Amino acid sequence: MKEALLYQSLSGERVMCNVCRHRCIIPLNGRGLCGVRKNDGGRLYSMNYGKTISVAADPIEKKPLQYYMPGTKTYSLAAEGCNMHCAWCQNWEISQQPGPERAIRGAMIKPEEHIKKAFAWKCRSVSYTYTEPTVFLEYALEIMKKARSTGLKNIWVTNGFMTAEALIELLPFLDAANVDLKAFEDDVYQKYCGGRLAPVLENIRTMYEAGVHVEVTTLVIPGVNDDAAQLSGIADFIASKLDPSVPWHISRFFPAWHMTDRGPTPAETLIMAERLGREAGLHRIHPGNIVL
């Protein structure tokens, strides 16, 4: 374990984690909602530090990033854990497994070893992906600093629910991000993900205004976020609060994890989403997981 970067001590040997917007208040020997940050002796520790649960060399378009270093490979890595619990999680086996008594899995890989692997696999960037990189912030930051010093670019694939303090730590080393904007209603975030909408919107704007290359992804789910009001809201946000040239990836849902009570997203829904995006003025809309 490694002592966390962002936390404060409270009375009764409790701690407040300041890495994500949950700002969990964690009792002695307890863990945060992510399952990977623990109060040990009145200090907060990252239990997944150095433990890589998944690693691969991916086409950068898989992140998905369509307009950042296209045609290159990105070195992708993850540690266990997530600060949201989306009912449709595609990677639940590694993002949702940590629990109060469960050991944290992963191969011990030093940050410099990741950099060596990235070059050996002819990658031009490092992507922190598959799970939520916010909950392995300390590990990610060390890798990001080494990547930057060697000329590799740093990419986050994230739900965008980090604190302003965490984002301040990241921004000097962050080159690109794909942010998963899951819905445009706070109730949806609370009911299905255990998060909130406003912090995600705020962080997307902060990244964009800081000069990070930003692309936005929305998984369009029947009965959750597939109504015209939400889809228009997302498109209008991108066009008016960011820029009409910011790419919007609209992906088709397939049943997964706790959401197997509905079928895949109809093609007509993605066609509608694309039309609404065009009407909002977006220039770069990319349907995913489907051929229209």
C-alpha atoms as a PDB file:
ATOM      1  CA  MET A   1       0.000   0.000   0.000  1.00  0.00           C
ATOM      2  CA  LYS A   2       1.017   3.624  -0.506  1.00  0.00           C
ATOM      3  CA  GLU A   3      -0.174   6.579   1.543  1.00  0.00           C
ATOM      4  CA  ALA A   4      -2.760   8.555  -0.389  1.00  0.00           C
ATOM      5  CA  LEU A   5      -2.026  12.004  -1.771  1.00  0.00           C
ATOM      6  CA  LEU A   6      -5.320  13.719  -1.065  1.00  0.00           C
ATOM      7  CA  TYR A   7      -6.996  13.181   2.287  1.00  0.00           C
ATOM      8  CA  GLN A   8      -7.516  14.864   5.617  1.00  0.00           C
ATOM      9  CA  SER A   9      -7.542  13.484   9.146  1.00  0.00           C
ATOM     10  CA  LEU A  10     -10.742  13.764  11.171  1.00  0.00           C
ATOM     11  CA  SER A  11     -11.659  13.121  14.781  1.00  0.00           C
ATOM     12  CA  GLY A  12     -11.960   9.564  15.989  1.00  0.00           C
ATOM     13  CA  GLU A  13      -9.201   8.351  13.647  1.00  0.00           C
ATOM     14  CA  ARG A  14     -11.487   8.865  10.675  1.00  0.00           C
ATOM     15  CA  VAL A  15     -10.217  10.237   7.364  1.00  0.00           C
ATOM     16  CA  MET A  16     -11.838  12.042   4.458  1.00  0.00           C
ATOM     17  CA  CYS A  17     -10.660  10.949   1.011  1.00  0.00           C
ATOM     18  CA  ASN A  18     -10.400  13.900  -1.379  1.00  0.00           C
ATOM     19  CA  VAL A  19      -9.644  12.036  -4.599  1.00  0.00           C
ATOM     20  CA  CYS A  20     -13.180  11.817  -5.973  1.00  0.00           C
ATOM     21  CA  ARG A  21     -16.363  13.795  -5.432  1.00  0.00           C
ATOM     22  CA  HIS A  22     -17.806  11.272  -3.006  1.00  0.00           C
ATOM     23  CA  ARG A  23     -15.301  12.575  -0.456  1.00  0.00           C
ATOM     24  CA  CYS A  24     -15.819   9.414   1.572  1.00  0.00           C
ATOM     25  CA  ILE A  25     -15.463   9.711   5.341  1.00  0.00           C
ATOM     26  CA  ILE A  26     -13.798   6.429   6.222  1.00  0.00           C
ATOM     27  CA  PRO A  27     -13.688   4.956   9.734  1.00  0.00           C
ATOM     28  CA  LEU A  28     -10.658   3.178  11.130  1.00  0.00           C
ATOM     29  CA  ASN A  29      -9.925   0.003   9.119  1.00  0.00           C
ATOM     30  CA  GLY A  30     -12.687   0.875   6.649  1.00  0.00           C
ATOM     31  CA  ARG A  31     -12.548   1.428   2.907  1.00  0.00           C
ATOM     32  CA  GLY A  32     -14.065   4.032   0.622  1.00  0.00           C
ATOM     33  CA  LEU A  33     -16.853   3.297  -1.864  1.00  0.00           C
ATOM     34  CA  CYS A  34     -14.257   2.360  -4.462  1.00  0.00           C
ATOM     35  CA  GLY A  35     -13.084  -0.514  -2.266  1.00  0.00           C
ATOM     36  CA  VAL A  36      -9.390   0.242  -2.817  1.00  0.00           C
ATOM     37  CA  ARG A  37      -8.643   3.122  -0.425  1.00  0.00           C
ATOM     38  CA  LYS A  38      -8.308   2.162   3.237  1.00  0.00           C
ATOM     39  CA  ASN A  39      -8.024   3.931   6.576  1.00  0.00           C
ATOM     40  CA  ASP A  40      -5.139   2.168   8.285  1.00  0.00           C
ATOM     41  CA  GLY A  41      -4.240   3.649  11.668  1.00  0.00           C
ATOM     42  CA  GLY A  42      -5.857   6.991  10.883  1.00  0.00           C
ATOM     43  CA  ARG A  43      -4.021   7.370   7.579  1.00  0.00           C
ATOM     44  CA  LEU A  44      -5.446   6.786   4.104  1.00  0.00           C
ATOM     45  CA  TYR A  45      -3.707   4.305   1.848  1.00  0.00           C
ATOM     46  CA  SER A  46      -4.085   3.299  -1.778  1.00  0.00           C
ATOM     47  CA  MET A  47      -4.395  -0.479  -1.702  1.00  0.00           C
ATOM     48  CA  ASN A  48      -4.116  -0.890  -5.474  1.00  0.00           C
ATOM     49  CA  TYR A  49      -0.853   1.027  -5.807  1.00  0.00           C
ATOM     50  CA  GLY A  50       1.502  -0.822  -8.150  1.00  0.00           C
ATOM     51  CA  LYS A  51      -0.977  -3.640  -8.789  1.00  0.00           C
ATOM     52  CA  THR A  52      -1.793  -3.848 -12.489  1.00  0.00           C
ATOM     53  CA  ILE A  53      -4.926  -5.872 -13.199  1.00  0.00           C
ATOM     54  CA  SER A  54      -4.909  -5.418 -16.979  1.00  0.00           C
ATOM     55  CA  VAL A  55      -2.427  -4.292 -19.618  1.00  0.00           C
ATOM     56  CA  ALA A  56      -2.518  -4.290 -23.427  1.00  0.00           C
ATOM     57  CA  ALA A  57      -1.437  -2.439 -26.544  1.00  0.00           C
ATOM     58  CA  ASP A  58      -4.592  -1.035 -28.166  1.00  0.00           C
ATOM     59  CA  PRO A  59      -5.352   0.999 -31.253  1.00  0.00           C
ATOM     60  CA  ILE A  60      -5.921   4.497 -29.892  1.00  0.00           C
ATOM     61  CA  GLU A  61      -9.288   4.536 -31.647  1.00  0.00           C
ATOM     62  CA  LYS A  62     -10.459   1.888 -29.169  1.00  0.00           C
ATOM     63  CA  LYS A  63     -10.372   4.334 -26.220  1.00  0.00           C
ATOM     64  CA  PRO A  64     -12.214   5.820 -28.202  1.00  0.00           C
ATOM     65  CA  LEU A  65     -10.131   8.725 -29.497  1.00  0.00           C
ATOM     66  CA  GLN A  66     -10.679   9.485 -33.161  1.00  0.00           C
ATOM     67  CA  TYR A  67      -8.779  12.759 -33.469  1.00  0.00           C
ATOM     68  CA  TYR A  68      -5.757  12.346 -31.231  1.00  0.00           C
ATOM     69  CA  MET A  69      -2.713  10.612 -32.723  1.00  0.00           C
ATOM     70  CA  PRO A  70      -4.888   8.513 -35.086  1.00  0.00           C
ATOM     71  CA  GLY A  71      -3.424   5.287 -36.372  1.00  0.00           C
ATOM     72  CA  THR A  72      -1.098   4.837 -33.378  1.00  0.00           C
ATOM     73  CA  LYS A  73      -1.023   2.274 -30.602  1.00  0.00           C
ATOM     74  CA  THR A  74      -1.550   3.193 -26.954  1.00  0.00           C
ATOM     75  CA  TYR A  75      -0.238   1.269 -23.978  1.00  0.00           C
ATOM     76  CA  SER A  76      -3.320   0.600 -21.838  1.00  0.00           C
ATOM     77  CA  LEU A  77      -3.250  -0.268 -18.155  1.00  0.00           C
ATOM     78  CA  ALA A  78      -5.561  -0.503 -15.165  1.00  0.00           C
ATOM     79  CA  ALA A  79      -5.631  -1.187 -11.452  1.00  0.00           C
ATOM     80  CA  GLU A  80      -8.723  -2.573  -9.729  1.00  0.00           C
ATOM     81  CA  GLY A  81     -11.576  -0.389  -8.522  1.00  0.00           C
ATOM     82  CA  CYS A  82     -14.069   2.296  -9.484  1.00  0.00           C
ATOM     83  CA  ASN A  83     -15.849   5.159  -7.744  1.00  0.00           C
ATOM     84  CA  MET A  84     -19.090   4.495  -9.612  1.00  0.00           C
ATOM     85  CA  HIS A  85     -21.167   1.330  -9.806  1.00  0.00           C
ATOM     86  CA  CYS A  86     -22.939   1.589 -13.145  1.00  0.00           C
ATOM     87  CA  ALA A  87     -25.503  -1.178 -13.533  1.00  0.00           C
ATOM     88  CA  TRP A  88     -24.342  -1.850 -17.109  1.00  0.00           C
ATOM     89  CA  CYS A  89     -20.573  -1.946 -16.394  1.00  0.00           C
ATOM     90  CA  GLN A  90     -18.709  -3.747 -19.185  1.00  0.00           C
ATOM     91  CA  ASN A  91     -15.570  -4.322 -17.093  1.00  0.00           C
ATOM     92  CA  TRP A  92     -17.235  -5.210 -13.802  1.00  0.00           C
ATOM     93  CA  GLU A  93     -14.891  -8.171 -13.222  1.00  0.00           C
ATOM     94  CA  ILE A  94     -12.023  -5.759 -12.530  1.00  0.00           C
ATOM     95  CA  SER A  95     -13.775  -2.489 -11.650  1.00  0.00           C
ATOM     96  CA  GLN A  96     -16.422  -3.756  -9.232  1.00  0.00           C
ATOM     97  CA  GLN A  97     -14.728  -6.634  -7.433  1.00  0.00           C
ATOM     98  CA  PRO A  98     -12.977  -4.891  -4.517  1.00  0.00           C
ATOM     99  CA  GLY A  99     -14.982  -5.143  -1.305  1.00  0.00           C
ATOM    100  CA  PRO A 100     -14.592  -4.636   2.442  1.00  0.00           C
ATOM    101  CA  GLU A 101     -12.765  -7.933   2.984  1.00  0.00           C
ATOM    102  CA  ARG A 102     -11.546  -8.743  -0.508  1.00  0.00           C
ATOM    103  CA  ALA A 103      -7.856  -8.680  -1.384  1.00  0.00           C
ATOM    104  CA  ILE A 104      -6.806  -6.381  -4.217  1.00  0.00           C
ATOM    105  CA  ARG A 105      -5.628  -8.331  -7.235  1.00  0.00           C
ATOM    106  CA  GLY A 106      -2.986  -7.437  -9.789  1.00  0.00           C
ATOM    107  CA  ALA A 107       0.599  -8.025 -10.852  1.00  0.00           C
ATOM    108  CA  MET A 108       3.187  -5.819  -9.177  1.00  0.00           C
ATOM    109  CA  ILE A 109       4.644  -3.670 -11.951  1.00  0.00           C
ATOM    110  CA  LYS A 110       6.838  -0.657 -11.273  1.00  0.00           C
ATOM    111  CA  PRO A 111       6.050   2.585 -13.141  1.00  0.00           C
ATOM    112  CA  GLU A 112       9.332   2.445 -15.081  1.00  0.00           C
ATOM    113  CA  GLU A 113       8.531  -1.091 -16.214  1.00  0.00           C
ATOM    114  CA  HIS A 114       5.325   0.158 -17.820  1.00  0.00           C
ATOM    115  CA  ILE A 115       7.327   2.748 -19.751  1.00  0.00           C
ATOM    116  CA  LYS A 116       9.755   0.098 -20.985  1.00  0.00           C
ATOM    117  CA  LYS A 117       6.847  -2.088 -22.091  1.00  0.00           C
ATOM    118  CA  ALA A 118       5.200   0.829 -23.899  1.00  0.00           C
ATOM    119  CA  PHE A 119       8.314   1.411 -25.974  1.00  0.00           C
ATOM    120  CA  ALA A 120       8.852  -2.320 -26.542  1.00  0.00           C
ATOM    121  CA  TRP A 121       5.289  -2.581 -27.867  1.00  0.00           C
ATOM    122  CA  LYS A 122       5.833   0.473 -30.105  1.00  0.00           C
ATOM    123  CA  CYS A 123       3.199   2.595 -28.385  1.00  0.00           C
ATOM    124  CA  ARG A 124       3.284   6.380 -28.510  1.00  0.00           C
ATOM    125  CA  SER A 125       1.059   7.011 -25.522  1.00  0.00           C
ATOM    126  CA  VAL A 126      -0.051   5.510 -22.211  1.00  0.00           C
ATOM    127  CA  SER A 127      -3.782   5.151 -21.473  1.00  0.00           C
ATOM    128  CA  TYR A 128      -5.172   4.796 -17.964  1.00  0.00           C
ATOM    129  CA  THR A 129      -8.339   2.904 -18.765  1.00  0.00           C
ATOM    130  CA  TYR A 130     -10.564  -0.191 -18.318  1.00  0.00           C
ATOM    131  CA  THR A 131     -11.373   0.811 -14.703  1.00  0.00           C
ATOM    132  CA  GLU A 132     -11.485   4.339 -13.233  1.00  0.00           C
ATOM    133  CA  PRO A 133      -7.991   5.869 -13.051  1.00  0.00           C
ATOM    134  CA  THR A 134      -9.085   8.347 -10.373  1.00  0.00           C
ATOM    135  CA  VAL A 135      -9.019   5.541  -7.785  1.00  0.00           C
ATOM    136  CA  PHE A 136      -5.420   4.638  -8.630  1.00  0.00           C
ATOM    137  CA  LEU A 137      -4.327   8.274  -8.782  1.00  0.00           C
ATOM    138  CA  GLU A 138      -0.999   7.808  -6.978  1.00  0.00           C
ATOM    139  CA  TYR A 139       0.096   4.976  -9.272  1.00  0.00           C
ATOM    140  CA  ALA A 140      -1.164   6.729 -12.393  1.00  0.00           C
ATOM    141  CA  LEU A 141       0.634   9.973 -11.536  1.00  0.00           C
ATOM    142  CA  GLU A 142       3.994   8.269 -11.109  1.00  0.00           C
ATOM    143  CA  ILE A 143       3.605   6.556 -14.468  1.00  0.00           C
ATOM    144  CA  MET A 144       2.392   9.784 -16.100  1.00  0.00           C
ATOM    145  CA  LYS A 145       5.452  11.718 -14.921  1.00  0.00           C
ATOM    146  CA  LYS A 146       7.811   9.074 -16.291  1.00  0.00           C
ATOM    147  CA  ALA A 147       5.857   8.896 -19.538  1.00  0.00           C
ATOM    148  CA  ARG A 148       6.042  12.672 -19.995  1.00  0.00           C
ATOM    149  CA  SER A 149       9.815  12.667 -19.417  1.00  0.00           C
ATOM    150  CA  THR A 150      10.289  10.114 -22.214  1.00  0.00           C
ATOM    151  CA  GLY A 151       7.988  11.768 -24.771  1.00  0.00           C
ATOM    152  CA  LEU A 152       5.022   9.438 -24.349  1.00  0.00           C
ATOM    153  CA  LYS A 153       1.594  11.099 -24.181  1.00  0.00           C
ATOM    154  CA  ASN A 154      -0.834  10.469 -21.314  1.00  0.00           C
ATOM    155  CA  ILE A 155      -4.514   9.625 -21.870  1.00  0.00           C
ATOM    156  CA  TRP A 156      -7.277   9.155 -19.316  1.00  0.00           C
ATOM    157  CA  VAL A 157     -10.449   7.229 -20.049  1.00  0.00           C
ATOM    158  CA  THR A 158     -12.578   8.380 -17.160  1.00  0.00           C
ATOM    159  CA  ASN A 159     -16.019   8.944 -15.704  1.00  0.00           C
ATOM    160  CA  GLY A 160     -14.902  12.480 -14.796  1.00  0.00           C
ATOM    161  CA  PHE A 161     -15.961  12.284 -11.138  1.00  0.00           C
ATOM    162  CA  MET A 162     -12.632  13.345  -9.619  1.00  0.00           C
ATOM    163  CA  THR A 163     -12.225  16.301  -7.267  1.00  0.00           C
ATOM    164  CA  ALA A 164     -10.808  19.652  -8.345  1.00  0.00           C
ATOM    165  CA  GLU A 165      -7.758  18.833  -6.207  1.00  0.00           C
ATOM    166  CA  ALA A 166      -7.126  15.591  -8.098  1.00  0.00           C
ATOM    167  CA  LEU A 167      -7.553  17.350 -11.420  1.00  0.00           C
ATOM    168  CA  ILE A 168      -4.998  19.978 -10.403  1.00  0.00           C
ATOM    169  CA  GLU A 169      -2.514  17.155  -9.789  1.00  0.00           C
ATOM    170  CA  LEU A 170      -3.273  15.582 -13.165  1.00  0.00           C
ATOM    171  CA  LEU A 171      -3.476  18.478 -15.569  1.00  0.00           C
ATOM    172  CA  PRO A 172       0.271  19.204 -15.888  1.00  0.00           C
ATOM    173  CA  PHE A 173       0.774  15.674 -17.238  1.00  0.00           C
ATOM    174  CA  LEU A 174      -2.528  14.998 -19.024  1.00  0.00           C
ATOM    175  CA  ASP A 175      -2.590  15.246 -22.828  1.00  0.00           C
ATOM    176  CA  ALA A 176      -5.940  13.738 -23.802  1.00  0.00           C
ATOM    177  CA  ALA A 177      -9.079  12.330 -22.210  1.00  0.00           C
ATOM    178  CA  ASN A 178     -12.197  10.510 -23.218  1.00  0.00           C
ATOM    179  CA  VAL A 179     -14.861  11.312 -20.647  1.00  0.00           C
ATOM    180  CA  ASP A 180     -17.903   9.089 -20.264  1.00  0.00           C
ATOM    181  CA  LEU A 181     -20.890  11.444 -19.993  1.00  0.00           C
ATOM    182  CA  LYS A 182     -23.434   8.861 -18.942  1.00  0.00           C
ATOM    183  CA  ALA A 183     -26.627  10.921 -18.948  1.00  0.00           C
ATOM    184  CA  PHE A 184     -27.913  14.465 -18.697  1.00  0.00           C
ATOM    185  CA  GLU A 185     -30.133  13.986 -15.645  1.00  0.00           C
ATOM    186  CA  ASP A 186     -28.752  13.928 -12.141  1.00  0.00           C
ATOM    187  CA  ASP A 187     -31.381  11.347 -11.131  1.00  0.00           C
ATOM    188  CA  VAL A 188     -29.947   8.893 -13.648  1.00  0.00           C
ATOM    189  CA  TYR A 189     -26.456   9.316 -12.232  1.00  0.00           C
ATOM    190  CA  GLN A 190     -27.712   8.766  -8.697  1.00  0.00           C
ATOM    191  CA  LYS A 191     -29.982   5.809  -9.473  1.00  0.00           C
ATOM    192  CA  TYR A 192     -27.781   3.817 -11.830  1.00  0.00           C
ATOM    193  CA  CYS A 193     -24.201   4.933 -11.154  1.00  0.00           C
ATOM    194  CA  GLY A 194     -23.950   6.237  -7.624  1.00  0.00           C
ATOM    195  CA  GLY A 195     -22.623   9.580  -8.851  1.00  0.00           C
ATOM    196  CA  ARG A 196     -23.736  13.095  -9.729  1.00  0.00           C
ATOM    197  CA  LEU A 197     -23.928  14.956 -13.033  1.00  0.00           C
ATOM    198  CA  ALA A 198     -22.711  18.472 -12.145  1.00  0.00           C
ATOM    199  CA  PRO A 199     -19.143  17.530 -11.122  1.00  0.00           C
ATOM    200  CA  VAL A 200     -18.675  15.600 -14.360  1.00  0.00           C
ATOM    201  CA  LEU A 201     -19.752  18.576 -16.473  1.00  0.00           C
ATOM    202  CA  GLU A 202     -17.497  20.866 -14.444  1.00  0.00           C
ATOM    203  CA  ASN A 203     -14.480  18.593 -14.875  1.00  0.00           C
ATOM    204  CA  ILE A 204     -15.025  18.183 -18.611  1.00  0.00           C
ATOM    205  CA  ARG A 205     -14.987  21.968 -18.996  1.00  0.00           C
ATOM    206  CA  THR A 206     -11.896  22.285 -16.809  1.00  0.00           C
ATOM    207  CA  MET A 207      -9.997  19.744 -18.892  1.00  0.00           C
ATOM    208  CA  TYR A 208     -11.014  21.366 -22.144  1.00  0.00           C
ATOM    209  CA  GLU A 209     -10.170  24.881 -20.971  1.00  0.00           C
ATOM    210  CA  ALA A 210      -6.772  23.644 -19.752  1.00  0.00           C
ATOM    211  CA  GLY A 211      -5.911  22.552 -23.298  1.00  0.00           C
ATOM    212  CA  VAL A 212      -6.451  18.819 -22.865  1.00  0.00           C
ATOM    213  CA  HIS A 213      -7.718  17.105 -26.015  1.00  0.00           C
ATOM    214  CA  VAL A 214     -11.223  16.011 -24.984  1.00  0.00           C
ATOM    215  CA  GLU A 215     -13.617  13.561 -26.593  1.00  0.00           C
ATOM    216  CA  VAL A 216     -16.953  12.608 -25.007  1.00  0.00           C
ATOM    217  CA  THR A 217     -18.655   9.207 -25.013  1.00  0.00           C
ATOM    218  CA  THR A 218     -22.279   8.383 -24.194  1.00  0.00           C
ATOM    219  CA  LEU A 219     -23.484   4.796 -24.002  1.00  0.00           C
ATOM    220  CA  VAL A 220     -27.111   5.117 -25.127  1.00  0.00           C
ATOM    221  CA  ILE A 221     -29.225   2.793 -22.973  1.00  0.00           C
ATOM    222  CA  PRO A 222     -32.910   2.026 -23.613  1.00  0.00           C
ATOM    223  CA  GLY A 223     -35.109   3.491 -20.897  1.00  0.00           C
ATOM    224  CA  VAL A 224     -32.220   5.224 -19.130  1.00  0.00           C
ATOM    225  CA  ASN A 225     -30.761   8.023 -21.249  1.00  0.00           C
ATOM    226  CA  ASP A 226     -32.197   7.473 -24.726  1.00  0.00           C
ATOM    227  CA  ASP A 227     -34.846  10.192 -24.665  1.00  0.00           C
ATOM    228  CA  ALA A 228     -34.500  13.204 -26.932  1.00  0.00           C
ATOM    229  CA  ALA A 229     -34.269  15.651 -24.022  1.00  0.00           C
ATOM    230  CA  GLN A 230     -31.175  14.037 -22.531  1.00  0.00           C
ATOM    231  CA  LEU A 231     -29.460  13.433 -25.847  1.00  0.00           C
ATOM    232  CA  SER A 232     -30.109  17.016 -26.936  1.00  0.00           C
ATOM    233  CA  GLY A 233     -28.868  18.224 -23.562  1.00  0.00           C
ATOM    234  CA  ILE A 234     -25.556  16.419 -23.985  1.00  0.00           C
ATOM    235  CA  ALA A 235     -25.143  17.656 -27.545  1.00  0.00           C
ATOM    236  CA  ASP A 236     -25.958  21.240 -26.549  1.00  0.00           C
ATOM    237  CA  PHE A 237     -23.499  21.065 -23.646  1.00  0.00           C
ATOM    238  CA  ILE A 238     -20.681  19.951 -25.939  1.00  0.00           C
ATOM    239  CA  ALA A 239     -21.512  22.542 -28.589  1.00  0.00           C
ATOM    240  CA  SER A 240     -22.053  25.525 -26.278  1.00  0.00           C
ATOM    241  CA  LYS A 241     -19.857  24.870 -23.241  1.00  0.00           C
ATOM    242  CA  LEU A 242     -16.946  23.243 -25.085  1.00  0.00           C
ATOM    243  CA  ASP A 243     -16.807  23.545 -28.874  1.00  0.00           C
ATOM    244  CA  PRO A 244     -18.824  22.125 -31.792  1.00  0.00           C
ATOM    245  CA  SER A 245     -15.659  20.380 -33.002  1.00  0.00           C
ATOM    246  CA  VAL A 246     -15.341  18.270 -29.823  1.00  0.00           C
ATOM    247  CA  PRO A 247     -16.108  14.665 -30.852  1.00  0.00           C
ATOM    248  CA  TRP A 248     -19.163  12.898 -29.436  1.00  0.00           C
ATOM    249  CA  HIS A 249     -19.138   9.092 -29.457  1.00  0.00           C
ATOM    250  CA  ILE A 250     -22.638   7.616 -29.163  1.00  0.00           C
ATOM    251  CA  SER A 251     -22.351   3.919 -28.440  1.00  0.00           C
ATOM    252  CA  ARG A 252     -24.822   1.078 -28.630  1.00  0.00           C
ATOM    253  CA  PHE A 253     -25.688  -0.657 -25.369  1.00  0.00           C
ATOM    254  CA  PHE A 254     -25.580  -4.434 -24.969  1.00  0.00           C
ATOM    255  CA  PRO A 255     -26.889  -6.188 -21.820  1.00  0.00           C
ATOM    256  CA  ALA A 256     -24.206  -6.569 -19.151  1.00  0.00           C
ATOM    257  CA  TRP A 257     -23.659  -7.122 -15.406  1.00  0.00           C
ATOM    258  CA  HIS A 258     -26.818  -6.032 -13.516  1.00  0.00           C
ATOM    259  CA  MET A 259     -28.634  -4.704 -16.560  1.00  0.00           C
ATOM    260  CA  THR A 260     -29.831  -7.685 -18.550  1.00  0.00           C
ATOM    261  CA  ASP A 261     -33.509  -6.746 -18.448  1.00  0.00           C
ATOM    262  CA  ARG A 262     -33.495  -4.958 -21.816  1.00  0.00           C
ATOM    263  CA  GLY A 263     -32.184  -5.524 -25.293  1.00  0.00           C
ATOM    264  CA  PRO A 264     -29.498  -3.710 -27.269  1.00  0.00           C
ATOM    265  CA  THR A 265     -30.034  -0.106 -28.321  1.00  0.00           C
ATOM    266  CA  PRO A 266     -32.126   0.052 -31.516  1.00  0.00           C
ATOM    267  CA  ALA A 267     -30.328   1.496 -34.524  1.00  0.00           C
ATOM    268  CA  GLU A 268     -33.111   4.084 -34.808  1.00  0.00           C
ATOM    269  CA  THR A 269     -32.138   5.525 -31.421  1.00  0.00           C
ATOM    270  CA  LEU A 270     -28.562   6.136 -32.489  1.00  0.00           C
ATOM    271  CA  ILE A 271     -29.807   7.650 -35.733  1.00  0.00           C
ATOM    272  CA  MET A 272     -31.937  10.015 -33.647  1.00  0.00           C
ATOM    273  CA  ALA A 273     -28.990  10.864 -31.389  1.00  0.00           C
ATOM    274  CA  GLU A 274     -26.817  11.630 -34.386  1.00  0.00           C
ATOM    275  CA  ARG A 275     -29.517  13.878 -35.848  1.00  0.00           C
ATOM    276  CA  LEU A 276     -29.917  15.737 -32.559  1.00  0.00           C
ATOM    277  CA  GLY A 277     -26.167  16.202 -32.393  1.00  0.00           C
ATOM    278  CA  ARG A 278     -26.122  17.675 -35.905  1.00  0.00           C
ATOM    279  CA  GLU A 279     -28.972  19.990 -35.011  1.00  0.00           C
ATOM    280  CA  ALA A 280     -26.982  21.196 -32.005  1.00  0.00           C
ATOM    281  CA  GLY A 281     -24.123  22.046 -34.340  1.00  0.00           C
ATOM    282  CA  LEU A 282     -21.708  19.212 -33.591  1.00  0.00           C
ATOM    283  CA  HIS A 283     -19.292  18.395 -36.399  1.00  0.00           C
ATOM    284  CA  ARG A 284     -17.853  15.089 -35.222  1.00  0.00           C
ATOM    285  CA  ILE A 285     -20.359  12.435 -34.165  1.00  0.00           C
ATOM    286  CA  HIS A 286     -19.340   8.784 -34.114  1.00  0.00           C
ATOM    287  CA  PRO A 287     -21.834   5.954 -33.559  1.00  0.00           C
ATOM    288  CA  GLY A 288     -20.147   2.999 -31.888  1.00  0.00           C
ATOM    289  CA  ASN A 289     -20.795  -0.754 -31.596  1.00  0.00           C
ATOM    290  CA  ILE A 290     -23.053  -0.625 -34.638  1.00  0.00           C
ATOM    291  CA  VAL A 291     -23.043  -0.144 -38.395  1.00  0.00           C
ATOM    292  CA  LEU A 292     -25.687   2.379 -39.470  1.00  0.00           C
END
